[in-house]
Amino acid sequence: MSTLKTVVIGRNEGDRLITCFDSVLAQLSNPNQIVYVDSGSTDDSDKVAEKRSISTIYLDNSAPFTAARGRNAGWRWLCQNESTPEYIQFIDGDCELVEGWLDKATAFLDTHPQVAVVCGRRRERYPDASPYNLLADMEWDTPVGQTMACGGDALIRTEALQSVGGYNSSLICGEEPEMCIRLGRQGWQIYRLDADMTLHDMDMFHFRQWWKRSIRGGWAVAEGVANYGTPPEKYMVREHRSGWLWGLLLPLFAITLAMISRGASLGILLLYPLLAWRIYGYRSQQRGYMSNHAFVYASFCTLSKFPQMLGQASYWLTRWQGKTATLIEYKSAVKSKF
């Protein structure tokens, strides 16, 4: 295996962090090849790392805790304190690294020097535990082959990472595709392999958690448009328009004209079940999902237009006011048994 090290980031992950560390150690064996970056955890995360002889970096309160900031702190520490590795595997603390992934991923990068980032299939550990877990599992089922972006779990060529200065630490979400855009501008490629990479534990059982996560998604859409919405990328432009159209303009138009049209304008709201039917057809027929899963996905995808719009509005309002973005957290701290 080519020289490789791992950055694990986390915040109050509880027992999920134990699973994460042990899965990485099973493939790397040497704890010196791993660094854990903690974002203000109040559980026993640092003790879990210490027990396994894994070095820990503690982010302070001088700036907002973001995944991008944590990853940057991790990979820069690895490059400064030890010999610079060829590749760095990034993994979130609520994920388990699938056995064999590092061998497959490094072999691919070894034979594809133009590729900067390689990722695989992130699967939800308990997709049937809640509709929100199922939604995440389906969301992560992205096309195989050359792609435009990766997620939080990915194996990255250190040379490429250094060439763009890493992640944008100021972003509270959407930092991975943003970095991939900058990599693409330098001629690097991103690939998604047909291989399992990580198991993720969403642990989401409440509608309000899903709602907040969708608001965060809307924020990422708006920030993506603000930074790369112009040619050649036109990044997230379509999604941005969709959020405003379905989340605000159509219902506002239908309700505003209801009095004048004697309620006829409310017929516009029938476009929502039509949208859901279109999404259902794509997921069930073209992607081959079971009908009940496709129905859940279509329903929530349509409903998500409203929190997405709120996230977009929140981003533009915060930007107009000149305020600093703060994390949109939807997960609760998990108690560790350590």
C-alpha atoms as a PDB file:
ATOM      1  CA  MET A   1       0.000   0.000   0.000  1.00  0.00           C
ATOM      2  CA  SER A   2       1.255   3.487  -0.828  1.00  0.00           C
ATOM      3  CA  THR A   3       2.017   5.734   2.122  1.00  0.00           C
ATOM      4  CA  LEU A   4      -1.322   6.649   3.600  1.00  0.00           C
ATOM      5  CA  LYS A   5      -2.655   8.303   6.718  1.00  0.00           C
ATOM      6  CA  THR A   6      -6.119   9.038   8.026  1.00  0.00           C
ATOM      7  CA  VAL A   7      -7.930  12.052   9.429  1.00  0.00           C
ATOM      8  CA  VAL A   8     -10.963  11.359  11.611  1.00  0.00           C
ATOM      9  CA  ILE A   9     -13.163  14.288  12.602  1.00  0.00           C
ATOM     10  CA  GLY A  10     -15.903  14.221  15.207  1.00  0.00           C
ATOM     11  CA  ARG A  11     -18.085  15.980  17.728  1.00  0.00           C
ATOM     12  CA  ASN A  12     -19.866  14.000  20.437  1.00  0.00           C
ATOM     13  CA  GLU A  13     -19.998  10.770  18.437  1.00  0.00           C
ATOM     14  CA  GLY A  14     -20.099   8.434  21.437  1.00  0.00           C
ATOM     15  CA  ASP A  15     -19.714   4.732  20.661  1.00  0.00           C
ATOM     16  CA  ARG A  16     -19.759   5.445  16.959  1.00  0.00           C
ATOM     17  CA  LEU A  17     -16.260   6.901  17.343  1.00  0.00           C
ATOM     18  CA  ILE A  18     -15.036   3.659  18.905  1.00  0.00           C
ATOM     19  CA  THR A  19     -16.333   1.754  15.884  1.00  0.00           C
ATOM     20  CA  CYS A  20     -14.698   4.279  13.557  1.00  0.00           C
ATOM     21  CA  PHE A  21     -11.272   4.093  15.202  1.00  0.00           C
ATOM     22  CA  ASP A  22     -11.258   0.311  15.357  1.00  0.00           C
ATOM     23  CA  SER A  23     -12.250  -0.034  11.698  1.00  0.00           C
ATOM     24  CA  VAL A  24      -9.408   2.248  10.617  1.00  0.00           C
ATOM     25  CA  LEU A  25      -6.858   0.536  12.876  1.00  0.00           C
ATOM     26  CA  ALA A  26      -7.895  -2.817  11.405  1.00  0.00           C
ATOM     27  CA  GLN A  27      -6.594  -1.645   8.027  1.00  0.00           C
ATOM     28  CA  LEU A  28      -3.686   0.598   9.034  1.00  0.00           C
ATOM     29  CA  SER A  29      -2.641  -1.096  12.325  1.00  0.00           C
ATOM     30  CA  ASN A  30      -0.322   1.777  13.257  1.00  0.00           C
ATOM     31  CA  PRO A  31      -2.054   4.492  15.329  1.00  0.00           C
ATOM     32  CA  ASN A  32       0.640   6.957  14.238  1.00  0.00           C
ATOM     33  CA  GLN A  33      -1.019   6.927  10.834  1.00  0.00           C
ATOM     34  CA  ILE A  34      -4.210   8.380  12.328  1.00  0.00           C
ATOM     35  CA  VAL A  35      -5.091  11.755  13.796  1.00  0.00           C
ATOM     36  CA  TYR A  36      -8.381  12.623  15.427  1.00  0.00           C
ATOM     37  CA  VAL A  37      -9.680  16.201  15.287  1.00  0.00           C
ATOM     38  CA  ASP A  38     -12.249  17.041  17.929  1.00  0.00           C
ATOM     39  CA  SER A  39     -14.678  19.947  17.607  1.00  0.00           C
ATOM     40  CA  GLY A  40     -15.589  20.751  21.193  1.00  0.00           C
ATOM     41  CA  SER A  41     -16.943  17.357  22.248  1.00  0.00           C
ATOM     42  CA  THR A  42     -18.359  17.012  25.736  1.00  0.00           C
ATOM     43  CA  ASP A  43     -18.294  13.219  25.801  1.00  0.00           C
ATOM     44  CA  ASP A  44     -15.271  10.918  26.172  1.00  0.00           C
ATOM     45  CA  SER A  45     -14.001  11.245  22.615  1.00  0.00           C
ATOM     46  CA  ASP A  46     -10.461  12.211  23.594  1.00  0.00           C
ATOM     47  CA  LYS A  47     -10.236   9.293  26.024  1.00  0.00           C
ATOM     48  CA  VAL A  48     -11.342   6.886  23.308  1.00  0.00           C
ATOM     49  CA  ALA A  49      -8.511   8.166  21.082  1.00  0.00           C
ATOM     50  CA  GLU A  50      -5.970   8.132  23.922  1.00  0.00           C
ATOM     51  CA  LYS A  51      -6.744   4.504  24.752  1.00  0.00           C
ATOM     52  CA  ARG A  52      -5.842   3.581  21.177  1.00  0.00           C
ATOM     53  CA  SER A  53      -2.679   5.770  21.105  1.00  0.00           C
ATOM     54  CA  ILE A  54      -4.277   8.023  18.490  1.00  0.00           C
ATOM     55  CA  SER A  55      -3.177  11.660  18.561  1.00  0.00           C
ATOM     56  CA  THR A  56      -5.923  14.231  19.122  1.00  0.00           C
ATOM     57  CA  ILE A  57      -6.162  17.812  17.917  1.00  0.00           C
ATOM     58  CA  TYR A  58      -8.571  20.029  19.817  1.00  0.00           C
ATOM     59  CA  LEU A  59     -10.162  22.862  17.877  1.00  0.00           C
ATOM     60  CA  ASP A  60     -10.601  25.992  19.982  1.00  0.00           C
ATOM     61  CA  ASN A  61     -13.402  28.552  19.962  1.00  0.00           C
ATOM     62  CA  SER A  62     -11.467  31.135  17.964  1.00  0.00           C
ATOM     63  CA  ALA A  63     -13.596  30.266  14.925  1.00  0.00           C
ATOM     64  CA  PRO A  64     -16.826  28.321  14.322  1.00  0.00           C
ATOM     65  CA  PHE A  65     -16.515  24.543  14.406  1.00  0.00           C
ATOM     66  CA  THR A  66     -16.813  23.268  10.850  1.00  0.00           C
ATOM     67  CA  ALA A  67     -15.992  19.960   9.213  1.00  0.00           C
ATOM     68  CA  ALA A  68     -13.735  21.807   6.779  1.00  0.00           C
ATOM     69  CA  ARG A  69     -11.770  23.399   9.597  1.00  0.00           C
ATOM     70  CA  GLY A  70     -11.365  20.027  11.285  1.00  0.00           C
ATOM     71  CA  ARG A  71     -10.142  18.280   8.140  1.00  0.00           C
ATOM     72  CA  ASN A  72      -7.675  21.058   7.396  1.00  0.00           C
ATOM     73  CA  ALA A  73      -6.263  20.899  10.909  1.00  0.00           C
ATOM     74  CA  GLY A  74      -5.874  17.131  10.556  1.00  0.00           C
ATOM     75  CA  TRP A  75      -4.122  16.869   7.223  1.00  0.00           C
ATOM     76  CA  ARG A  76      -1.825  19.812   7.917  1.00  0.00           C
ATOM     77  CA  TRP A  77      -0.795  18.275  11.227  1.00  0.00           C
ATOM     78  CA  LEU A  78      -0.012  14.979   9.525  1.00  0.00           C
ATOM     79  CA  CYS A  79       2.148  16.692   6.923  1.00  0.00           C
ATOM     80  CA  GLN A  80       4.018  18.818   9.469  1.00  0.00           C
ATOM     81  CA  ASN A  81       4.668  16.232  12.165  1.00  0.00           C
ATOM     82  CA  GLU A  82       5.554  13.202  10.078  1.00  0.00           C
ATOM     83  CA  SER A  83       6.732  12.459   6.569  1.00  0.00           C
ATOM     84  CA  THR A  84       4.087  13.673   4.147  1.00  0.00           C
ATOM     85  CA  PRO A  85       1.903  10.756   3.012  1.00  0.00           C
ATOM     86  CA  GLU A  86       0.967  10.230  -0.623  1.00  0.00           C
ATOM     87  CA  TYR A  87      -2.706   9.868   0.238  1.00  0.00           C
ATOM     88  CA  ILE A  88      -4.984  10.865   3.093  1.00  0.00           C
ATOM     89  CA  GLN A  89      -8.217   9.103   3.923  1.00  0.00           C
ATOM     90  CA  PHE A  90     -10.795  11.419   5.467  1.00  0.00           C
ATOM     91  CA  ILE A  91     -13.583   9.847   7.478  1.00  0.00           C
ATOM     92  CA  ASP A  92     -16.284  11.234   9.728  1.00  0.00           C
ATOM     93  CA  GLY A  93     -16.385   9.948  13.287  1.00  0.00           C
ATOM     94  CA  ASP A  94     -19.873   8.468  12.892  1.00  0.00           C
ATOM     95  CA  CYS A  95     -18.694   6.151  10.109  1.00  0.00           C
ATOM     96  CA  GLU A  96     -17.041   2.738   9.929  1.00  0.00           C
ATOM     97  CA  LEU A  97     -14.405   2.104   7.274  1.00  0.00           C
ATOM     98  CA  VAL A  98     -15.342  -0.952   5.201  1.00  0.00           C
ATOM     99  CA  GLU A  99     -12.737  -3.709   5.094  1.00  0.00           C
ATOM    100  CA  GLY A 100     -10.730  -3.662   1.885  1.00  0.00           C
ATOM    101  CA  TRP A 101     -11.621  -0.127   0.893  1.00  0.00           C
ATOM    102  CA  LEU A 102      -8.151   1.351   1.389  1.00  0.00           C
ATOM    103  CA  ASP A 103      -6.534  -1.332  -0.801  1.00  0.00           C
ATOM    104  CA  LYS A 104      -9.000  -0.712  -3.631  1.00  0.00           C
ATOM    105  CA  ALA A 105      -8.847   3.062  -3.381  1.00  0.00           C
ATOM    106  CA  THR A 106      -5.055   3.351  -3.194  1.00  0.00           C
ATOM    107  CA  ALA A 107      -4.633   0.909  -6.089  1.00  0.00           C
ATOM    108  CA  PHE A 108      -6.907   3.135  -8.177  1.00  0.00           C
ATOM    109  CA  LEU A 109      -4.986   6.307  -7.354  1.00  0.00           C
ATOM    110  CA  ASP A 110      -1.685   4.517  -8.001  1.00  0.00           C
ATOM    111  CA  THR A 111      -2.766   3.764 -11.562  1.00  0.00           C
ATOM    112  CA  HIS A 112      -4.640   7.014 -12.263  1.00  0.00           C
ATOM    113  CA  PRO A 113      -2.248   9.917 -11.620  1.00  0.00           C
ATOM    114  CA  GLN A 114      -4.746  12.483 -12.924  1.00  0.00           C
ATOM    115  CA  VAL A 115      -7.270  11.589 -10.229  1.00  0.00           C
ATOM    116  CA  ALA A 116      -7.146  13.692  -7.057  1.00  0.00           C
ATOM    117  CA  VAL A 117     -10.044  12.189  -5.109  1.00  0.00           C
ATOM    118  CA  VAL A 118     -11.596   8.760  -5.043  1.00  0.00           C
ATOM    119  CA  CYS A 119     -14.687   7.844  -3.070  1.00  0.00           C
ATOM    120  CA  GLY A 120     -16.974   4.838  -2.830  1.00  0.00           C
ATOM    121  CA  ARG A 121     -20.417   3.943  -1.598  1.00  0.00           C
ATOM    122  CA  ARG A 122     -21.342   5.298   1.806  1.00  0.00           C
ATOM    123  CA  ARG A 123     -24.159   3.188   3.199  1.00  0.00           C
ATOM    124  CA  GLU A 124     -26.465   3.848   6.103  1.00  0.00           C
ATOM    125  CA  ARG A 125     -25.978   1.242   8.825  1.00  0.00           C
ATOM    126  CA  TYR A 126     -29.672   1.092   9.792  1.00  0.00           C
ATOM    127  CA  PRO A 127     -31.669   2.275   6.755  1.00  0.00           C
ATOM    128  CA  ASP A 128     -34.881   0.651   7.950  1.00  0.00           C
ATOM    129  CA  ALA A 129     -34.750   2.186  11.429  1.00  0.00           C
ATOM    130  CA  SER A 130     -36.429   5.410  10.300  1.00  0.00           C
ATOM    131  CA  PRO A 131     -37.495   7.087   7.047  1.00  0.00           C
ATOM    132  CA  TYR A 132     -34.766   9.669   7.614  1.00  0.00           C
ATOM    133  CA  ASN A 133     -32.073   7.004   7.710  1.00  0.00           C
ATOM    134  CA  LEU A 134     -33.485   5.530   4.506  1.00  0.00           C
ATOM    135  CA  LEU A 135     -33.432   8.931   2.817  1.00  0.00           C
ATOM    136  CA  ALA A 136     -29.763   9.367   3.651  1.00  0.00           C
ATOM    137  CA  ASP A 137     -28.891   5.933   2.278  1.00  0.00           C
ATOM    138  CA  MET A 138     -30.633   6.718  -1.001  1.00  0.00           C
ATOM    139  CA  GLU A 139     -29.077  10.179  -1.154  1.00  0.00           C
ATOM    140  CA  TRP A 140     -25.593   8.648  -0.981  1.00  0.00           C
ATOM    141  CA  ASP A 141     -26.267   6.224  -3.850  1.00  0.00           C
ATOM    142  CA  THR A 142     -24.511   8.373  -6.450  1.00  0.00           C
ATOM    143  CA  PRO A 143     -23.466   7.345  -9.995  1.00  0.00           C
ATOM    144  CA  VAL A 144     -20.237   5.389 -10.482  1.00  0.00           C
ATOM    145  CA  GLY A 145     -17.403   6.836 -12.561  1.00  0.00           C
ATOM    146  CA  GLN A 146     -15.953  10.281 -13.020  1.00  0.00           C
ATOM    147  CA  THR A 147     -17.983  12.784 -11.049  1.00  0.00           C
ATOM    148  CA  MET A 148     -18.012  16.418  -9.990  1.00  0.00           C
ATOM    149  CA  ALA A 149     -17.730  16.033  -6.231  1.00  0.00           C
ATOM    150  CA  CYS A 150     -17.186  13.733  -3.287  1.00  0.00           C
ATOM    151  CA  GLY A 151     -18.604  13.638   0.220  1.00  0.00           C
ATOM    152  CA  GLY A 152     -16.943  13.835   3.618  1.00  0.00           C
ATOM    153  CA  ASP A 153     -15.458  10.341   3.378  1.00  0.00           C
ATOM    154  CA  ALA A 154     -12.858  10.187   0.612  1.00  0.00           C
ATOM    155  CA  LEU A 155      -9.284   9.223  -0.188  1.00  0.00           C
ATOM    156  CA  ILE A 156      -7.397  12.259  -1.472  1.00  0.00           C
ATOM    157  CA  ARG A 157      -3.997  12.658  -3.111  1.00  0.00           C
ATOM    158  CA  THR A 158      -1.973  14.901  -0.801  1.00  0.00           C
ATOM    159  CA  GLU A 159      -0.293  16.689  -3.698  1.00  0.00           C
ATOM    160  CA  ALA A 160      -3.687  17.745  -5.045  1.00  0.00           C
ATOM    161  CA  LEU A 161      -4.931  18.728  -1.603  1.00  0.00           C
ATOM    162  CA  GLN A 162      -1.933  20.970  -1.074  1.00  0.00           C
ATOM    163  CA  SER A 163      -2.254  22.504  -4.531  1.00  0.00           C
ATOM    164  CA  VAL A 164      -5.631  24.051  -3.633  1.00  0.00           C
ATOM    165  CA  GLY A 165      -4.896  24.732   0.032  1.00  0.00           C
ATOM    166  CA  GLY A 166      -7.350  22.149   1.305  1.00  0.00           C
ATOM    167  CA  TYR A 167     -10.936  22.845   2.279  1.00  0.00           C
ATOM    168  CA  ASN A 168     -12.529  26.255   2.742  1.00  0.00           C
ATOM    169  CA  SER A 169     -12.741  26.429   6.541  1.00  0.00           C
ATOM    170  CA  SER A 170     -15.324  29.213   6.497  1.00  0.00           C
ATOM    171  CA  LEU A 171     -17.998  26.972   4.972  1.00  0.00           C
ATOM    172  CA  ILE A 172     -20.433  25.443   7.468  1.00  0.00           C
ATOM    173  CA  CYS A 173     -21.493  22.836   4.872  1.00  0.00           C
ATOM    174  CA  GLY A 174     -20.876  21.945   1.237  1.00  0.00           C
ATOM    175  CA  GLU A 175     -17.111  22.168   1.663  1.00  0.00           C
ATOM    176  CA  GLU A 176     -16.364  18.968  -0.278  1.00  0.00           C
ATOM    177  CA  PRO A 177     -17.925  19.920  -3.642  1.00  0.00           C
ATOM    178  CA  GLU A 178     -16.472  23.427  -3.278  1.00  0.00           C
ATOM    179  CA  MET A 179     -12.965  22.005  -3.004  1.00  0.00           C
ATOM    180  CA  CYS A 180     -13.639  19.625  -5.880  1.00  0.00           C
ATOM    181  CA  ILE A 181     -14.533  22.587  -8.081  1.00  0.00           C
ATOM    182  CA  ARG A 182     -11.174  24.172  -7.316  1.00  0.00           C
ATOM    183  CA  LEU A 183      -9.440  20.864  -8.023  1.00  0.00           C
ATOM    184  CA  GLY A 184     -11.274  20.599 -11.342  1.00  0.00           C
ATOM    185  CA  ARG A 185     -10.094  24.052 -12.318  1.00  0.00           C
ATOM    186  CA  GLN A 186      -6.530  22.768 -11.989  1.00  0.00           C
ATOM    187  CA  GLY A 187      -7.217  19.755 -14.171  1.00  0.00           C
ATOM    188  CA  TRP A 188      -7.665  17.140 -11.451  1.00  0.00           C
ATOM    189  CA  GLN A 189     -10.396  14.500 -11.639  1.00  0.00           C
ATOM    190  CA  ILE A 190     -12.740  13.008  -9.029  1.00  0.00           C
ATOM    191  CA  TYR A 191     -13.925   9.394  -9.247  1.00  0.00           C
ATOM    192  CA  ARG A 192     -16.601   7.336  -7.544  1.00  0.00           C
ATOM    193  CA  LEU A 193     -15.721   3.637  -7.439  1.00  0.00           C
ATOM    194  CA  ASP A 194     -18.225   0.798  -7.484  1.00  0.00           C
ATOM    195  CA  ALA A 195     -17.151  -0.337  -4.029  1.00  0.00           C
ATOM    196  CA  ASP A 196     -18.398   0.021  -0.480  1.00  0.00           C
ATOM    197  CA  MET A 197     -16.384   2.616   1.441  1.00  0.00           C
ATOM    198  CA  THR A 198     -18.033   3.392   4.773  1.00  0.00           C
ATOM    199  CA  LEU A 199     -21.010   2.539   6.964  1.00  0.00           C
ATOM    200  CA  HIS A 200     -22.681   5.609   8.433  1.00  0.00           C
ATOM    201  CA  ASP A 201     -24.886   5.797  11.500  1.00  0.00           C
ATOM    202  CA  MET A 202     -27.355   8.617  10.882  1.00  0.00           C
ATOM    203  CA  ASP A 203     -29.262   7.919  14.108  1.00  0.00           C
ATOM    204  CA  MET A 204     -32.078  10.252  13.027  1.00  0.00           C
ATOM    205  CA  PHE A 205     -35.565   9.600  14.335  1.00  0.00           C
ATOM    206  CA  HIS A 206     -37.262  12.983  14.537  1.00  0.00           C
ATOM    207  CA  PHE A 207     -38.839  15.110  11.847  1.00  0.00           C
ATOM    208  CA  ARG A 208     -37.289  18.291  13.269  1.00  0.00           C
ATOM    209  CA  GLN A 209     -33.811  16.799  12.726  1.00  0.00           C
ATOM    210  CA  TRP A 210     -34.583  16.096   9.098  1.00  0.00           C
ATOM    211  CA  TRP A 211     -36.041  19.605   8.739  1.00  0.00           C
ATOM    212  CA  LYS A 212     -32.849  21.216  10.094  1.00  0.00           C
ATOM    213  CA  ARG A 213     -30.692  19.040   7.859  1.00  0.00           C
ATOM    214  CA  SER A 214     -32.749  20.156   4.868  1.00  0.00           C
ATOM    215  CA  ILE A 215     -32.338  23.799   5.889  1.00  0.00           C
ATOM    216  CA  ARG A 216     -28.602  23.204   5.977  1.00  0.00           C
ATOM    217  CA  GLY A 217     -28.844  21.743   2.494  1.00  0.00           C
ATOM    218  CA  GLY A 218     -30.581  24.898   1.293  1.00  0.00           C
ATOM    219  CA  TRP A 219     -27.807  26.992   2.803  1.00  0.00           C
ATOM    220  CA  ALA A 220     -25.226  24.941   0.880  1.00  0.00           C
ATOM    221  CA  VAL A 221     -27.165  25.445  -2.352  1.00  0.00           C
ATOM    222  CA  ALA A 222     -27.279  29.233  -1.909  1.00  0.00           C
ATOM    223  CA  GLU A 223     -23.608  29.477  -0.952  1.00  0.00           C
ATOM    224  CA  GLY A 224     -22.683  27.311  -3.914  1.00  0.00           C
ATOM    225  CA  VAL A 225     -24.510  29.675  -6.250  1.00  0.00           C
ATOM    226  CA  ALA A 226     -22.920  32.709  -4.610  1.00  0.00           C
ATOM    227  CA  ASN A 227     -19.417  31.328  -5.154  1.00  0.00           C
ATOM    228  CA  TYR A 228     -19.683  29.342  -8.399  1.00  0.00           C
ATOM    229  CA  GLY A 229     -23.081  30.108  -9.928  1.00  0.00           C
ATOM    230  CA  THR A 230     -21.596  31.832 -12.959  1.00  0.00           C
ATOM    231  CA  PRO A 231     -20.068  30.038 -15.980  1.00  0.00           C
ATOM    232  CA  PRO A 232     -18.282  27.770 -16.465  1.00  0.00           C
ATOM    233  CA  GLU A 233     -19.548  25.823 -13.427  1.00  0.00           C
ATOM    234  CA  LYS A 234     -23.047  27.274 -12.976  1.00  0.00           C
ATOM    235  CA  TYR A 235     -22.919  25.310  -9.759  1.00  0.00           C
ATOM    236  CA  MET A 236     -26.262  24.701  -7.998  1.00  0.00           C
ATOM    237  CA  VAL A 237     -28.079  27.239 -10.183  1.00  0.00           C
ATOM    238  CA  ARG A 238     -30.849  24.815 -11.077  1.00  0.00           C
ATOM    239  CA  GLU A 239     -31.262  23.665  -7.467  1.00  0.00           C
ATOM    240  CA  HIS A 240     -31.331  27.265  -6.276  1.00  0.00           C
ATOM    241  CA  ARG A 241     -34.113  28.200  -8.681  1.00  0.00           C
ATOM    242  CA  SER A 242     -36.017  25.069  -7.741  1.00  0.00           C
ATOM    243  CA  GLY A 243     -35.880  25.951  -4.058  1.00  0.00           C
ATOM    244  CA  TRP A 244     -37.347  29.406  -4.630  1.00  0.00           C
ATOM    245  CA  LEU A 245     -39.931  28.189  -7.134  1.00  0.00           C
ATOM    246  CA  TRP A 246     -41.352  25.258  -5.168  1.00  0.00           C
ATOM    247  CA  GLY A 247     -40.592  26.533  -1.682  1.00  0.00           C
ATOM    248  CA  LEU A 248     -41.939  30.070  -2.033  1.00  0.00           C
ATOM    249  CA  LEU A 249     -43.139  31.402  -5.378  1.00  0.00           C
ATOM    250  CA  LEU A 250     -45.731  28.773  -6.333  1.00  0.00           C
ATOM    251  CA  PRO A 251     -47.537  28.621  -2.950  1.00  0.00           C
ATOM    252  CA  LEU A 252     -47.337  32.411  -2.590  1.00  0.00           C
ATOM    253  CA  PHE A 253     -48.816  32.890  -6.047  1.00  0.00           C
ATOM    254  CA  ALA A 254     -51.586  30.332  -5.430  1.00  0.00           C
ATOM    255  CA  ILE A 255     -52.630  31.801  -2.071  1.00  0.00           C
ATOM    256  CA  THR A 256     -52.329  35.455  -3.107  1.00  0.00           C
ATOM    257  CA  LEU A 257     -54.626  35.009  -6.092  1.00  0.00           C
ATOM    258  CA  ALA A 258     -57.084  32.747  -4.302  1.00  0.00           C
ATOM    259  CA  MET A 259     -59.543  35.562  -3.551  1.00  0.00           C
ATOM    260  CA  ILE A 260     -59.410  37.013  -7.050  1.00  0.00           C
ATOM    261  CA  SER A 261     -59.689  33.656  -8.778  1.00  0.00           C
ATOM    262  CA  ARG A 262     -62.332  32.346  -6.337  1.00  0.00           C
ATOM    263  CA  GLY A 263     -59.981  29.576  -5.315  1.00  0.00           C
ATOM    264  CA  ALA A 264     -59.064  28.493  -8.825  1.00  0.00           C
ATOM    265  CA  SER A 265     -55.441  29.493  -8.305  1.00  0.00           C
ATOM    266  CA  LEU A 266     -55.143  26.868  -5.573  1.00  0.00           C
ATOM    267  CA  GLY A 267     -55.119  24.311  -8.357  1.00  0.00           C
ATOM    268  CA  ILE A 268     -51.477  25.284  -8.825  1.00  0.00           C
ATOM    269  CA  LEU A 269     -50.762  23.296  -5.671  1.00  0.00           C
ATOM    270  CA  LEU A 270     -51.569  20.122  -7.628  1.00  0.00           C
ATOM    271  CA  LEU A 271     -48.140  20.571  -9.177  1.00  0.00           C
ATOM    272  CA  TYR A 272     -46.617  19.229  -5.965  1.00  0.00           C
ATOM    273  CA  PRO A 273     -48.034  15.689  -6.241  1.00  0.00           C
ATOM    274  CA  LEU A 274     -47.051  15.783  -9.914  1.00  0.00           C
ATOM    275  CA  LEU A 275     -43.479  16.629  -8.892  1.00  0.00           C
ATOM    276  CA  ALA A 276     -43.509  13.792  -6.381  1.00  0.00           C
ATOM    277  CA  TRP A 277     -44.827  11.397  -9.036  1.00  0.00           C
ATOM    278  CA  ARG A 278     -42.008  12.382 -11.388  1.00  0.00           C
ATOM    279  CA  ILE A 279     -39.375  11.770  -8.699  1.00  0.00           C
ATOM    280  CA  TYR A 280     -41.039   8.477  -7.786  1.00  0.00           C
ATOM    281  CA  GLY A 281     -40.930   7.309 -11.396  1.00  0.00           C
ATOM    282  CA  TYR A 282     -37.253   8.104 -11.737  1.00  0.00           C
ATOM    283  CA  ARG A 283     -36.288   6.340  -8.522  1.00  0.00           C
ATOM    284  CA  SER A 284     -38.457   3.267  -9.059  1.00  0.00           C
ATOM    285  CA  GLN A 285     -38.049   2.752 -12.804  1.00  0.00           C
ATOM    286  CA  GLN A 286     -34.665   4.161 -13.782  1.00  0.00           C
ATOM    287  CA  ARG A 287     -32.821   3.558 -10.516  1.00  0.00           C
ATOM    288  CA  GLY A 288     -34.617   0.326  -9.636  1.00  0.00           C
ATOM    289  CA  TYR A 289     -35.641   1.121  -6.072  1.00  0.00           C
ATOM    290  CA  MET A 290     -38.476  -0.722  -4.372  1.00  0.00           C
ATOM    291  CA  SER A 291     -41.751   1.131  -4.782  1.00  0.00           C
ATOM    292  CA  ASN A 292     -42.178   1.866  -1.064  1.00  0.00           C
ATOM    293  CA  HIS A 293     -38.660   3.284  -0.837  1.00  0.00           C
ATOM    294  CA  ALA A 294     -39.171   5.370  -3.960  1.00  0.00           C
ATOM    295  CA  PHE A 295     -42.438   6.683  -2.500  1.00  0.00           C
ATOM    296  CA  VAL A 296     -40.746   7.777   0.738  1.00  0.00           C
ATOM    297  CA  TYR A 297     -37.936   9.448  -1.176  1.00  0.00           C
ATOM    298  CA  ALA A 298     -40.290  11.264  -3.553  1.00  0.00           C
ATOM    299  CA  SER A 299     -42.512  12.486  -0.733  1.00  0.00           C
ATOM    300  CA  PHE A 300     -39.719  13.899   1.382  1.00  0.00           C
ATOM    301  CA  CYS A 301     -37.846  15.271  -1.613  1.00  0.00           C
ATOM    302  CA  THR A 302     -40.928  17.290  -2.548  1.00  0.00           C
ATOM    303  CA  LEU A 303     -41.486  18.430   1.024  1.00  0.00           C
ATOM    304  CA  SER A 304     -37.818  19.412   1.341  1.00  0.00           C
ATOM    305  CA  LYS A 305     -38.375  22.334  -1.034  1.00  0.00           C
ATOM    306  CA  PHE A 306     -39.750  24.347   1.894  1.00  0.00           C
ATOM    307  CA  PRO A 307     -36.848  23.958   4.358  1.00  0.00           C
ATOM    308  CA  GLN A 308     -34.468  24.296   1.416  1.00  0.00           C
ATOM    309  CA  MET A 309     -35.995  27.673   0.635  1.00  0.00           C
ATOM    310  CA  LEU A 310     -35.617  28.677   4.290  1.00  0.00           C
ATOM    311  CA  GLY A 311     -31.957  27.670   4.182  1.00  0.00           C
ATOM    312  CA  GLN A 312     -31.403  29.703   1.035  1.00  0.00           C
ATOM    313  CA  ALA A 313     -33.142  32.714   2.535  1.00  0.00           C
ATOM    314  CA  SER A 314     -31.096  32.360   5.720  1.00  0.00           C
ATOM    315  CA  TYR A 315     -27.861  32.345   3.757  1.00  0.00           C
ATOM    316  CA  TRP A 316     -28.688  35.451   1.707  1.00  0.00           C
ATOM    317  CA  LEU A 317     -29.967  37.322   4.764  1.00  0.00           C
ATOM    318  CA  THR A 318     -26.833  36.466   6.756  1.00  0.00           C
ATOM    319  CA  ARG A 319     -24.650  37.532   3.845  1.00  0.00           C
ATOM    320  CA  TRP A 320     -26.572  40.814   3.419  1.00  0.00           C
ATOM    321  CA  GLN A 321     -26.229  41.553   7.144  1.00  0.00           C
ATOM    322  CA  GLY A 322     -22.506  40.789   7.044  1.00  0.00           C
ATOM    323  CA  LYS A 323     -22.762  38.260   9.858  1.00  0.00           C
ATOM    324  CA  THR A 324     -20.630  35.167  10.416  1.00  0.00           C
ATOM    325  CA  ALA A 325     -22.258  31.852   9.586  1.00  0.00           C
ATOM    326  CA  THR A 326     -22.933  29.471  12.476  1.00  0.00           C
ATOM    327  CA  LEU A 327     -23.377  25.713  12.398  1.00  0.00           C
ATOM    328  CA  ILE A 328     -26.816  24.319  11.627  1.00  0.00           C
ATOM    329  CA  GLU A 329     -26.745  21.284  13.908  1.00  0.00           C
ATOM    330  CA  TYR A 330     -29.335  18.532  13.652  1.00  0.00           C
ATOM    331  CA  LYS A 331     -27.627  15.754  15.624  1.00  0.00           C
ATOM    332  CA  SER A 332     -27.647  15.253  19.368  1.00  0.00           C
ATOM    333  CA  ALA A 333     -24.693  14.194  21.458  1.00  0.00           C
ATOM    334  CA  VAL A 334     -24.397  10.426  21.907  1.00  0.00           C
ATOM    335  CA  LYS A 335     -23.372   8.991  25.256  1.00  0.00           C
ATOM    336  CA  SER A 336     -20.325   6.765  25.145  1.00  0.00           C
ATOM    337  CA  LYS A 337     -19.990   3.516  27.101  1.00  0.00           C
ATOM    338  CA  PHE A 338     -16.232   4.006  27.312  1.00  0.00           C
END
